[in-house]
Amino acid sequence: MVKLLLISFPILLIFFYHCTGTNAVVRSRAQSPSEAQAPAKTSPQAPAQTPIDQPLVQAPSLVPLVPAPPPKTPEPAGPNVTKILEKAGGFSVFVRLLRNTQVINQIENQLNNSNSLTILAPNNAAFSGLKSGTLNSLNAEQKVQLLQFHLLPTYIATTNFETVSNPVRTQASDTYDYPLNITTTGNIVNISTGLVNTTISGTVYSDNQLAIYKVDKVLLPLGIFAPTPKPPAPSPTPVKKPKKEESSSSSSSSSSLSSNDEIPPAAELNLSDGTSLTGNRISIAVAVVAAIFLRFQFEFSRTV
């Protein structure tokens, strides 16, 4: 009997658990459709902040008030003259002089501003043809003028040399002390400075703005190597002295003499210009006194 109770008790527990679970499932399925379709309750949202609740200091805006202009593309620099000459070869002396005198800076400024220049570049053989010590005898200003004499301020193509007006203007001081004449004979361009005659022997570079021509002689200007002497200053005009007036005593004494009175030859007077007396001044004075005395004696004898 006890064994039957022990066996049946677990069966009863299983049956009871099974019945309670079934009832719960049936109740959950028996809920009304409205309850099943009712939306789930959400938690109440926090009320929106009013302007009073906003912070007094706002964070700075990262957007600039004035937009920055678009970046400018860098302007292309002008051609590098020294690199062109170094690449061509044979112009090392000319390049060194351009750098030492800082004339290369003037060339770069000229190309950046007007983009127009013509260079007559002497090669190394041209400088070797100079007399020994020619460059060393020049001061700094003369070296600058010598190099500027090889620079023409405008671009000139080889076909346009026949139309230039002589004397051609250079970067040197003036066309009187630094004359440069360019003429053409067929395809040959002749250059004359008054001391040097040469020709353009080749084109080193040309881009319709910068032209570099090769010359086989250094262009020596007259203003440095044969300066023209200045004309002498005009001599001052001599000032004429006014003629002296005849003394009243001499005029009175001469007027008192008559043509019949005889005067010793030593007492003759030369008063035509009123400036000089002939003979000894003492003799003249004695003669005048004697004449007056004779005149006085003659008048006295007439009265007696």
Protein backbone atom coordinates (compact mmCIF):
# COMPACT_ATOMS: atom_id res chain seq x y z
CA MET A 1 0.00 0.00 0.00
CA VAL A 2 2.80 2.37 0.89
CA LYS A 3 4.59 1.57 -2.35
CA LEU A 4 1.46 2.47 -4.32
CA LEU A 5 1.28 5.82 -2.58
CA LEU A 6 4.92 6.55 -3.27
CA ILE A 7 4.44 5.76 -6.96
CA SER A 8 1.21 7.67 -7.40
CA PHE A 9 2.34 10.85 -5.66
CA PRO A 10 4.83 11.96 -8.38
CA ILE A 11 2.21 11.14 -11.01
CA LEU A 12 -0.24 13.42 -9.25
CA LEU A 13 2.34 16.24 -9.14
CA ILE A 14 2.95 15.92 -12.86
CA PHE A 15 -0.75 15.92 -13.62
CA PHE A 16 -1.30 18.99 -11.42
CA TYR A 17 1.51 20.94 -13.07
CA HIS A 18 0.21 20.01 -16.48
CA CYS A 19 -3.31 21.23 -15.65
CA THR A 20 -2.16 24.62 -14.27
CA GLY A 21 0.05 25.33 -17.30
CA THR A 22 -2.77 24.52 -19.68
CA ASN A 23 -5.15 26.92 -17.93
CA ALA A 24 -2.57 29.72 -18.17
CA VAL A 25 -2.20 29.18 -21.90
CA VAL A 26 -5.96 29.16 -22.40
CA ARG A 27 -6.36 32.40 -20.45
CA SER A 28 -3.65 34.16 -22.43
CA ARG A 29 -5.34 33.06 -25.69
CA ALA A 30 -8.75 34.18 -24.42
CA GLN A 31 -7.76 37.85 -24.14
CA SER A 32 -9.90 40.28 -26.18
CA PRO A 33 -8.56 41.56 -29.52
CA SER A 34 -8.69 45.17 -28.27
CA GLU A 35 -6.35 44.37 -25.42
CA ALA A 36 -4.06 42.55 -27.76
CA GLN A 37 -4.03 45.46 -30.24
CA ALA A 38 -3.66 48.22 -27.60
CA PRO A 39 -0.38 50.11 -28.05
CA ALA A 40 2.24 49.67 -25.46
CA LYS A 41 2.45 52.44 -22.94
CA THR A 42 5.49 54.67 -23.41
CA SER A 43 7.25 56.60 -20.73
CA PRO A 44 6.32 60.27 -20.60
CA GLN A 45 8.82 62.53 -22.44
CA ALA A 46 10.52 65.39 -20.67
CA PRO A 47 9.00 68.79 -21.43
CA ALA A 48 10.80 70.92 -24.07
CA GLN A 49 13.09 73.62 -22.75
CA THR A 50 11.76 77.13 -22.88
CA PRO A 51 13.99 80.03 -23.97
CA ILE A 52 14.54 80.79 -20.32
CA ASP A 53 16.01 77.36 -19.80
CA GLN A 54 18.53 77.78 -22.69
CA PRO A 55 22.15 78.63 -21.76
CA LEU A 56 23.11 82.31 -21.88
CA VAL A 57 26.50 81.73 -23.64
CA GLN A 58 26.35 79.89 -26.93
CA ALA A 59 29.24 77.96 -28.39
CA PRO A 60 31.20 79.93 -31.09
CA SER A 61 30.29 79.13 -34.66
CA LEU A 62 32.98 77.53 -36.79
CA VAL A 63 31.66 79.11 -40.01
CA PRO A 64 33.53 82.42 -40.82
CA LEU A 65 31.43 85.50 -41.37
CA VAL A 66 33.40 86.49 -44.46
CA PRO A 67 34.39 83.59 -46.69
CA ALA A 68 38.06 83.50 -47.68
CA PRO A 69 38.83 84.15 -51.35
CA PRO A 70 39.91 81.19 -53.41
CA PRO A 71 43.67 80.62 -53.35
CA LYS A 72 45.51 82.35 -56.16
CA THR A 73 47.57 80.28 -58.46
CA PRO A 74 51.21 81.47 -58.41
CA GLU A 75 52.16 83.48 -61.44
CA PRO A 76 54.81 81.81 -63.57
CA ALA A 77 58.22 83.39 -63.10
CA GLY A 78 60.14 84.80 -66.03
CA PRO A 79 62.88 82.83 -67.75
CA ASN A 80 66.08 82.37 -65.75
CA VAL A 81 68.80 84.08 -67.77
CA THR A 82 71.75 82.61 -65.89
CA LYS A 83 70.43 79.06 -66.26
CA ILE A 84 69.87 79.62 -69.97
CA LEU A 85 73.44 80.88 -70.45
CA GLU A 86 74.91 78.11 -68.28
CA LYS A 87 72.98 75.48 -70.23
CA ALA A 88 74.16 76.96 -73.54
CA GLY A 89 77.78 76.89 -72.35
CA GLY A 90 80.66 79.26 -73.05
CA PHE A 91 79.28 82.30 -71.15
CA SER A 92 80.74 81.75 -67.66
CA VAL A 93 82.60 85.09 -67.56
CA PHE A 94 79.50 87.03 -68.59
CA VAL A 95 77.37 85.17 -66.01
CA ARG A 96 79.93 85.85 -63.26
CA LEU A 97 79.96 89.57 -64.06
CA LEU A 98 76.15 89.70 -64.04
CA ARG A 99 76.08 88.18 -60.56
CA ASN A 100 78.99 90.15 -59.07
CA THR A 101 77.57 93.49 -60.22
CA GLN A 102 73.97 92.45 -59.36
CA VAL A 103 72.90 93.43 -62.87
CA ILE A 104 71.15 90.05 -62.96
CA ASN A 105 68.64 91.45 -60.42
CA GLN A 106 67.83 94.30 -62.80
CA ILE A 107 67.31 91.78 -65.60
CA GLU A 108 64.92 89.70 -63.49
CA ASN A 109 62.92 92.81 -62.49
CA GLN A 110 62.74 93.87 -66.12
CA LEU A 111 61.43 90.47 -67.19
CA ASN A 112 58.89 90.30 -64.34
CA ASN A 113 57.53 93.79 -65.05
CA SER A 114 57.54 94.15 -68.83
CA ASN A 115 58.57 90.67 -70.03
CA SER A 116 60.57 92.30 -72.82
CA LEU A 117 64.37 92.34 -73.12
CA THR A 118 67.17 91.69 -75.60
CA ILE A 119 70.63 90.62 -74.41
CA LEU A 120 73.79 90.77 -76.52
CA ALA A 121 75.87 88.19 -74.66
CA PRO A 122 79.65 88.07 -75.26
CA ASN A 123 81.09 84.57 -74.99
CA ASN A 124 84.26 83.64 -73.10
CA ALA A 125 86.38 84.06 -76.24
CA ALA A 126 85.19 87.67 -76.50
CA PHE A 127 86.47 88.46 -73.00
CA SER A 128 89.73 86.65 -73.73
CA GLY A 129 90.25 89.02 -76.67
CA LEU A 130 90.38 92.07 -74.38
CA LYS A 131 93.70 93.59 -73.36
CA SER A 132 95.12 92.29 -70.12
CA GLY A 133 93.73 94.17 -67.12
CA THR A 134 90.87 95.82 -69.01
CA LEU A 135 88.14 94.66 -66.63
CA ASN A 136 90.27 95.18 -63.52
CA SER A 137 90.87 98.81 -64.50
CA LEU A 138 87.14 99.57 -64.29
CA ASN A 139 85.40 100.68 -61.12
CA ALA A 140 82.09 99.21 -59.95
CA GLU A 141 79.96 101.83 -61.73
CA GLN A 142 81.81 101.40 -65.01
CA LYS A 143 81.35 97.61 -64.87
CA VAL A 144 77.61 98.09 -64.39
CA GLN A 145 77.48 100.51 -67.32
CA LEU A 146 79.48 98.09 -69.48
CA LEU A 147 77.01 95.25 -68.83
CA GLN A 148 73.96 97.48 -69.26
CA PHE A 149 75.41 98.53 -72.62
CA HIS A 150 74.74 94.91 -73.72
CA LEU A 151 71.03 95.10 -72.72
CA LEU A 152 68.30 96.47 -74.99
CA PRO A 153 65.09 97.36 -73.10
CA THR A 154 62.75 95.76 -75.68
CA TYR A 155 62.46 92.45 -77.44
CA ILE A 156 63.93 92.56 -80.94
CA ALA A 157 63.68 89.58 -83.25
CA THR A 158 66.42 88.94 -85.78
CA THR A 159 64.07 89.96 -88.58
CA ASN A 160 63.35 93.32 -86.90
CA PHE A 161 66.93 94.62 -86.59
CA GLU A 162 66.67 96.23 -90.01
CA THR A 163 63.90 98.51 -88.75
CA VAL A 164 65.60 99.84 -85.59
CA SER A 165 66.55 103.52 -85.33
CA ASN A 166 70.19 104.39 -84.68
CA PRO A 167 71.65 105.03 -82.22
CA VAL A 168 69.86 102.15 -80.50
CA ARG A 169 68.82 102.83 -76.91
CA THR A 170 70.43 100.56 -74.31
CA GLN A 171 70.17 100.23 -70.53
CA ALA A 172 73.32 102.35 -70.17
CA SER A 173 73.31 106.07 -69.39
CA ASP A 174 72.65 107.77 -72.71
CA THR A 175 73.17 107.48 -76.45
CA TYR A 176 75.78 110.29 -76.61
CA ASP A 177 78.45 108.65 -74.45
CA TYR A 178 77.13 105.15 -75.15
CA PRO A 179 76.17 105.05 -78.86
CA LEU A 180 75.22 101.69 -80.35
CA ASN A 181 74.49 101.37 -84.07
CA ILE A 182 72.94 98.25 -85.57
CA THR A 183 72.69 97.67 -89.30
CA THR A 184 71.88 94.64 -91.42
CA THR A 185 73.43 93.26 -94.59
CA GLY A 186 71.23 90.48 -95.83
CA ASN A 187 70.95 88.05 -92.94
CA ILE A 188 74.00 89.49 -91.14
CA VAL A 189 73.39 91.85 -88.19
CA ASN A 190 76.29 94.31 -87.75
CA ILE A 191 76.95 96.07 -84.42
CA SER A 192 79.21 99.12 -84.00
CA THR A 193 80.08 101.07 -80.85
CA GLY A 194 82.61 103.48 -82.37
CA LEU A 195 85.42 101.33 -80.94
CA VAL A 196 84.27 97.78 -81.73
CA ASN A 197 82.68 96.29 -84.83
CA THR A 198 81.16 92.82 -84.56
CA THR A 199 78.19 90.74 -85.67
CA ILE A 200 75.57 88.51 -84.07
CA SER A 201 76.96 85.01 -84.48
CA GLY A 202 73.99 83.04 -83.17
CA THR A 203 70.75 82.96 -81.22
CA VAL A 204 71.01 81.50 -77.72
CA TYR A 205 67.35 81.88 -76.68
CA SER A 206 64.16 83.48 -77.99
CA ASP A 207 60.54 83.19 -76.79
CA ASN A 208 58.93 86.34 -78.29
CA GLN A 209 59.61 88.18 -75.01
CA LEU A 210 63.27 87.53 -74.24
CA ALA A 211 65.99 87.27 -76.86
CA ILE A 212 69.62 86.35 -76.10
CA TYR A 213 72.08 86.71 -78.98
CA LYS A 214 75.71 85.61 -79.05
CA VAL A 215 78.39 88.16 -79.97
CA ASP A 216 82.08 87.34 -80.41
CA LYS A 217 83.40 90.66 -79.08
CA VAL A 218 82.77 92.68 -75.94
CA LEU A 219 80.93 95.89 -76.84
CA LEU A 220 83.20 98.68 -75.56
CA PRO A 221 81.34 102.02 -75.26
CA LEU A 222 82.97 105.37 -75.95
CA GLY A 223 81.84 106.78 -72.60
CA ILE A 224 84.17 104.41 -70.71
CA PHE A 225 87.09 103.62 -73.01
CA ALA A 226 87.29 106.85 -75.08
CA PRO A 227 85.45 109.62 -73.24
CA THR A 228 84.88 112.76 -75.29
CA PRO A 229 86.66 115.78 -73.75
CA LYS A 230 84.37 118.52 -72.62
CA PRO A 231 84.56 121.80 -74.59
CA PRO A 232 86.56 124.55 -72.84
CA ALA A 233 84.64 127.17 -70.95
CA PRO A 234 84.23 130.50 -72.85
CA SER A 235 86.73 133.20 -71.85
CA PRO A 236 85.26 136.22 -70.06
CA THR A 237 84.58 139.28 -72.20
CA PRO A 238 86.98 142.15 -71.36
CA VAL A 239 85.31 145.20 -69.86
CA LYS A 240 86.25 148.54 -71.45
CA LYS A 241 87.19 151.26 -69.03
CA PRO A 242 85.50 154.62 -69.52
CA LYS A 243 87.67 157.43 -70.90
CA LYS A 244 88.89 159.98 -68.44
CA GLU A 245 87.66 163.48 -68.81
CA GLU A 246 90.12 166.20 -69.57
CA SER A 247 91.14 168.16 -66.56
CA SER A 248 89.66 171.61 -66.35
CA SER A 249 93.04 173.14 -65.82
CA SER A 250 94.47 171.63 -69.01
CA SER A 251 91.42 172.66 -71.05
CA SER A 252 91.48 176.19 -69.70
CA SER A 253 95.17 176.55 -70.32
CA SER A 254 94.96 175.13 -73.83
CA SER A 255 91.97 177.32 -74.70
CA SER A 256 93.84 180.38 -73.53
CA LEU A 257 96.68 179.77 -75.94
CA SER A 258 96.42 181.31 -79.36
CA SER A 259 97.68 179.93 -82.62
CA ASN A 260 100.47 182.53 -82.70
CA ASP A 261 102.01 181.39 -79.44
CA GLU A 262 104.98 179.15 -79.78
CA ILE A 263 105.24 176.11 -77.53
CA PRO A 264 108.46 174.14 -77.19
CA PRO A 265 108.33 170.72 -78.82
CA ALA A 266 108.92 169.06 -75.46
CA ALA A 267 105.73 170.60 -74.18
CA GLU A 268 103.36 169.19 -76.85
CA LEU A 269 100.26 167.54 -75.41
CA ASN A 270 98.37 164.56 -76.79
CA LEU A 271 94.85 165.02 -75.46
CA SER A 272 92.93 163.42 -78.32
CA ASP A 273 91.70 160.61 -76.12
CA GLY A 274 91.93 162.50 -72.83
CA THR A 275 93.85 159.66 -71.16
CA SER A 276 97.60 160.22 -71.74
CA LEU A 277 100.26 162.93 -72.05
CA THR A 278 103.27 162.75 -74.36
CA GLY A 279 106.66 163.36 -72.99
CA ASN A 280 107.76 163.73 -69.47
CA ARG A 281 105.05 164.84 -67.04
CA ILE A 282 107.40 167.26 -65.36
CA SER A 283 108.38 168.85 -68.67
CA ILE A 284 104.73 169.22 -69.60
CA ALA A 285 103.95 170.92 -66.32
CA VAL A 286 106.88 173.32 -66.80
CA ALA A 287 105.77 174.06 -70.35
CA VAL A 288 102.23 174.83 -69.23
CA VAL A 289 103.48 177.21 -66.56
CA ALA A 290 105.80 178.87 -69.07
CA ALA A 291 102.99 179.31 -71.55
CA ILE A 292 100.80 180.91 -68.93
CA PHE A 293 103.66 183.17 -67.91
CA LEU A 294 104.29 184.20 -71.54
CA ARG A 295 100.62 184.91 -72.03
CA PHE A 296 100.50 186.98 -68.93
CA GLN A 297 103.62 188.90 -70.04
CA PHE A 298 102.10 189.53 -73.47
CA GLU A 299 98.91 190.92 -72.04
CA PHE A 300 100.88 193.09 -69.64
CA SER A 301 103.03 194.53 -72.42
CA ARG A 302 99.94 195.46 -74.42
CA THR A 303 98.46 197.37 -71.57
CA VAL A 304 101.67 199.35 -71.03
